[in-house]
């Protein structure tokens, strides 16, 4: 998972940078629309984190569960995640 872990950490650091910018903008009483645009960047960065994590999960944990005959459990977990989106 080191490759995926590196990608995940990279994307989280991007999100953190965007969030720190949002905080500074609010503290500096910047124009609301500019703050919203930066907030959307945070959300986009976090969405990309989720995508990398889910892709890795499908390739590793889900594939392993299916090989062990635990397809129903694996599909159930994924459906729970999708319902929360």
N, C-alpha and C. Protein backbone atom coordinates (compact mmCIF):
# COMPACT_ATOMS: atom_id res chain seq x y z
N UNK A 1 0.82 -1.20 0.00
CA UNK A 1 0.00 0.00 0.00
C UNK A 1 0.87 1.27 0.00
N UNK A 2 2.18 1.15 0.04
CA UNK A 2 3.03 2.33 0.12
C UNK A 2 2.75 3.31 -1.01
N UNK A 3 2.55 2.81 -2.23
CA UNK A 3 2.23 3.70 -3.35
C UNK A 3 0.95 4.45 -3.09
N UNK A 4 -0.08 3.74 -2.70
CA UNK A 4 -1.37 4.36 -2.40
C UNK A 4 -1.25 5.28 -1.19
N UNK A 5 -0.50 4.83 -0.18
CA UNK A 5 -0.33 5.64 1.02
C UNK A 5 0.33 6.96 0.68
N UNK A 6 1.34 6.93 -0.18
CA UNK A 6 2.00 8.15 -0.59
C UNK A 6 1.05 9.10 -1.31
N UNK A 7 0.23 8.53 -2.20
CA UNK A 7 -0.75 9.35 -2.93
C UNK A 7 -1.77 9.96 -1.97
N UNK A 8 -2.22 9.16 -1.02
CA UNK A 8 -3.21 9.62 -0.05
C UNK A 8 -2.64 10.76 0.79
N UNK A 9 -1.44 10.57 1.29
CA UNK A 9 -0.82 11.61 2.11
C UNK A 9 -0.59 12.89 1.30
N UNK A 10 -0.18 12.75 0.06
CA UNK A 10 0.03 13.90 -0.81
C UNK A 10 -1.28 14.69 -0.97
N UNK A 11 -2.35 13.98 -1.26
CA UNK A 11 -3.65 14.64 -1.45
C UNK A 11 -4.15 15.27 -0.15
N UNK A 12 -3.92 14.60 0.98
CA UNK A 12 -4.34 15.17 2.26
C UNK A 12 -3.58 16.46 2.57
N UNK A 13 -2.32 16.49 2.22
CA UNK A 13 -1.53 17.70 2.45
C UNK A 13 -2.00 18.83 1.56
N UNK A 14 -2.42 18.50 0.35
CA UNK A 14 -3.02 19.52 -0.52
C UNK A 14 -4.29 20.07 0.12
N UNK A 15 -5.14 19.18 0.61
CA UNK A 15 -6.38 19.60 1.26
C UNK A 15 -6.08 20.46 2.48
N UNK A 16 -5.09 20.07 3.26
CA UNK A 16 -4.71 20.84 4.44
C UNK A 16 -4.26 22.24 4.05
N UNK A 17 -3.49 22.34 2.98
CA UNK A 17 -3.05 23.66 2.51
C UNK A 17 -4.22 24.53 2.12
N UNK A 18 -5.19 23.95 1.41
CA UNK A 18 -6.38 24.70 1.03
C UNK A 18 -7.17 25.13 2.27
N UNK A 19 -7.30 24.22 3.24
CA UNK A 19 -8.05 24.54 4.45
C UNK A 19 -7.36 25.65 5.24
N UNK A 20 -6.05 25.59 5.34
CA UNK A 20 -5.31 26.65 6.04
C UNK A 20 -5.55 28.00 5.35
N UNK A 21 -5.64 27.98 4.03
CA UNK A 21 -5.92 29.20 3.28
C UNK A 21 -7.32 29.71 3.61
N UNK A 22 -8.30 28.82 3.69
CA UNK A 22 -9.67 29.21 4.04
C UNK A 22 -9.69 29.88 5.41
N UNK A 23 -9.01 29.29 6.36
CA UNK A 23 -8.97 29.84 7.72
C UNK A 23 -8.38 31.25 7.71
N UNK A 24 -7.27 31.42 7.00
CA UNK A 24 -6.65 32.74 6.92
C UNK A 24 -7.55 33.75 6.24
N UNK A 25 -8.27 33.29 5.23
CA UNK A 25 -9.18 34.19 4.52
C UNK A 25 -10.31 34.65 5.43
N UNK A 26 -10.86 33.73 6.22
CA UNK A 26 -11.94 34.09 7.15
C UNK A 26 -11.40 35.04 8.21
N UNK A 27 -10.23 34.71 8.76
CA UNK A 27 -9.62 35.59 9.76
C UNK A 27 -9.34 36.98 9.19
N UNK A 28 -9.02 37.04 7.90
CA UNK A 28 -8.71 38.32 7.26
C UNK A 28 -9.92 39.02 6.67
N UNK A 29 -11.11 38.49 6.96
CA UNK A 29 -12.36 39.09 6.47
C UNK A 29 -12.35 39.28 4.96
N UNK A 30 -11.86 38.28 4.24
CA UNK A 30 -11.84 38.37 2.78
C UNK A 30 -13.24 38.19 2.21
N UNK A 31 -13.37 38.53 0.97
CA UNK A 31 -14.64 38.49 0.25
C UNK A 31 -15.22 37.07 0.30
N UNK A 32 -16.48 36.97 0.68
CA UNK A 32 -17.14 35.68 0.92
C UNK A 32 -17.03 34.72 -0.27
N UNK A 33 -17.24 35.23 -1.45
CA UNK A 33 -17.21 34.35 -2.62
C UNK A 33 -15.82 33.76 -2.82
N UNK A 34 -14.78 34.54 -2.53
CA UNK A 34 -13.42 34.00 -2.63
C UNK A 34 -13.21 32.88 -1.62
N UNK A 35 -13.78 33.06 -0.43
CA UNK A 35 -13.67 32.03 0.60
C UNK A 35 -14.39 30.75 0.16
N UNK A 36 -15.56 30.93 -0.42
CA UNK A 36 -16.32 29.77 -0.89
C UNK A 36 -15.53 29.02 -1.97
N UNK A 37 -14.91 29.75 -2.88
CA UNK A 37 -14.11 29.10 -3.92
C UNK A 37 -12.98 28.27 -3.30
N UNK A 38 -12.35 28.81 -2.29
CA UNK A 38 -11.26 28.09 -1.63
C UNK A 38 -11.81 26.89 -0.86
N UNK A 39 -12.97 27.05 -0.25
CA UNK A 39 -13.61 25.95 0.46
C UNK A 39 -13.95 24.82 -0.51
N UNK A 40 -14.41 25.16 -1.68
CA UNK A 40 -14.70 24.15 -2.70
C UNK A 40 -13.43 23.40 -3.10
N UNK A 41 -12.31 24.10 -3.10
CA UNK A 41 -11.04 23.43 -3.40
C UNK A 41 -10.70 22.39 -2.33
N UNK A 42 -11.00 22.72 -1.07
CA UNK A 42 -10.80 21.75 0.03
C UNK A 42 -11.65 20.51 -0.21
N UNK A 43 -12.92 20.74 -0.51
CA UNK A 43 -13.83 19.63 -0.73
C UNK A 43 -13.40 18.76 -1.91
N UNK A 44 -12.95 19.40 -2.97
CA UNK A 44 -12.48 18.67 -4.15
C UNK A 44 -11.25 17.83 -3.80
N UNK A 45 -10.34 18.40 -3.05
CA UNK A 45 -9.13 17.67 -2.66
C UNK A 45 -9.49 16.45 -1.80
N UNK A 46 -10.44 16.62 -0.89
CA UNK A 46 -10.86 15.50 -0.04
C UNK A 46 -11.58 14.43 -0.85
N UNK A 47 -12.34 14.85 -1.85
CA UNK A 47 -13.01 13.89 -2.72
C UNK A 47 -11.97 13.03 -3.44
N UNK A 48 -10.90 13.66 -3.89
CA UNK A 48 -9.84 12.91 -4.57
C UNK A 48 -9.17 11.93 -3.60
N UNK A 49 -9.03 12.33 -2.34
CA UNK A 49 -8.49 11.42 -1.32
C UNK A 49 -9.38 10.18 -1.21
N UNK A 50 -10.67 10.42 -1.12
CA UNK A 50 -11.62 9.30 -1.02
C UNK A 50 -11.50 8.37 -2.23
N UNK A 51 -11.35 8.95 -3.41
CA UNK A 51 -11.25 8.14 -4.62
C UNK A 51 -10.01 7.24 -4.57
N UNK A 52 -8.88 7.79 -4.15
CA UNK A 52 -7.64 7.00 -4.06
C UNK A 52 -7.79 5.89 -3.02
N UNK A 53 -8.38 6.22 -1.88
CA UNK A 53 -8.56 5.22 -0.82
C UNK A 53 -9.50 4.11 -1.29
N UNK A 54 -10.63 4.49 -1.90
CA UNK A 54 -11.58 3.48 -2.35
C UNK A 54 -11.00 2.60 -3.46
N UNK A 55 -10.25 3.20 -4.37
CA UNK A 55 -9.63 2.40 -5.43
C UNK A 55 -8.67 1.38 -4.82
N UNK A 56 -7.86 1.82 -3.89
CA UNK A 56 -6.93 0.91 -3.23
C UNK A 56 -7.68 -0.18 -2.47
N UNK A 57 -8.75 0.20 -1.80
CA UNK A 57 -9.54 -0.77 -1.04
C UNK A 57 -10.12 -1.84 -1.97
N UNK A 58 -10.63 -1.40 -3.12
CA UNK A 58 -11.19 -2.36 -4.08
C UNK A 58 -10.12 -3.33 -4.60
N UNK A 59 -8.95 -2.79 -4.88
CA UNK A 59 -7.87 -3.61 -5.44
C UNK A 59 -7.27 -4.57 -4.42
N UNK A 60 -7.37 -4.24 -3.15
CA UNK A 60 -6.73 -5.07 -2.13
C UNK A 60 -7.75 -5.78 -1.25
N UNK A 61 -8.36 -5.07 -0.36
CA UNK A 61 -9.25 -5.67 0.64
C UNK A 61 -10.46 -6.36 0.02
N UNK A 62 -11.11 -5.69 -0.92
CA UNK A 62 -12.30 -6.27 -1.54
C UNK A 62 -11.92 -7.51 -2.35
N UNK A 63 -10.86 -7.38 -3.13
CA UNK A 63 -10.42 -8.53 -3.92
C UNK A 63 -10.09 -9.71 -3.02
N UNK A 64 -9.41 -9.46 -1.91
CA UNK A 64 -9.07 -10.53 -0.97
C UNK A 64 -10.33 -11.14 -0.35
N UNK A 65 -11.30 -10.31 -0.01
CA UNK A 65 -12.55 -10.81 0.58
C UNK A 65 -13.29 -11.71 -0.41
N UNK A 66 -13.32 -11.30 -1.66
CA UNK A 66 -14.00 -12.11 -2.68
C UNK A 66 -13.29 -13.45 -2.84
N UNK A 67 -11.97 -13.43 -2.86
CA UNK A 67 -11.20 -14.68 -2.98
C UNK A 67 -11.47 -15.62 -1.81
N UNK A 68 -11.77 -15.04 -0.63
CA UNK A 68 -12.07 -15.86 0.55
C UNK A 68 -13.53 -16.26 0.61
N UNK A 69 -14.31 -15.87 -0.39
CA UNK A 69 -15.73 -16.22 -0.41
C UNK A 69 -16.60 -15.29 0.41
N UNK A 70 -16.09 -14.11 0.74
CA UNK A 70 -16.84 -13.14 1.55
C UNK A 70 -17.39 -12.00 0.69
N UNK A 71 -17.93 -12.36 -0.47
CA UNK A 71 -18.42 -11.38 -1.43
C UNK A 71 -19.53 -10.52 -0.84
N UNK A 72 -20.48 -11.14 -0.18
CA UNK A 72 -21.62 -10.41 0.38
C UNK A 72 -21.15 -9.35 1.37
N UNK A 73 -20.21 -9.70 2.22
CA UNK A 73 -19.68 -8.75 3.19
C UNK A 73 -18.97 -7.60 2.49
N UNK A 74 -18.15 -7.92 1.50
CA UNK A 74 -17.39 -6.88 0.79
C UNK A 74 -18.32 -5.94 0.05
N UNK A 75 -19.32 -6.49 -0.62
CA UNK A 75 -20.28 -5.66 -1.35
C UNK A 75 -21.08 -4.81 -0.37
N UNK A 76 -21.45 -5.38 0.75
CA UNK A 76 -22.20 -4.64 1.78
C UNK A 76 -21.43 -3.44 2.30
N UNK A 77 -20.15 -3.62 2.56
CA UNK A 77 -19.32 -2.51 3.02
C UNK A 77 -19.27 -1.39 1.98
N UNK A 78 -19.08 -1.78 0.73
CA UNK A 78 -19.01 -0.77 -0.34
C UNK A 78 -20.34 -0.05 -0.50
N UNK A 79 -21.42 -0.77 -0.40
CA UNK A 79 -22.75 -0.14 -0.52
C UNK A 79 -22.98 0.84 0.62
N UNK A 80 -22.52 0.50 1.81
CA UNK A 80 -22.64 1.42 2.96
C UNK A 80 -21.89 2.73 2.68
N UNK A 81 -20.70 2.60 2.12
CA UNK A 81 -19.92 3.80 1.79
C UNK A 81 -20.65 4.63 0.73
N UNK A 82 -21.14 3.99 -0.29
CA UNK A 82 -21.82 4.72 -1.37
C UNK A 82 -23.09 5.40 -0.88
N UNK A 83 -23.78 4.80 0.06
CA UNK A 83 -25.00 5.41 0.60
C UNK A 83 -24.70 6.69 1.38
N UNK A 84 -23.51 6.79 1.94
CA UNK A 84 -23.13 7.96 2.72
C UNK A 84 -22.72 9.13 1.85
N UNK A 85 -22.44 8.90 0.60
CA UNK A 85 -21.95 9.96 -0.29
C UNK A 85 -23.02 10.92 -0.63
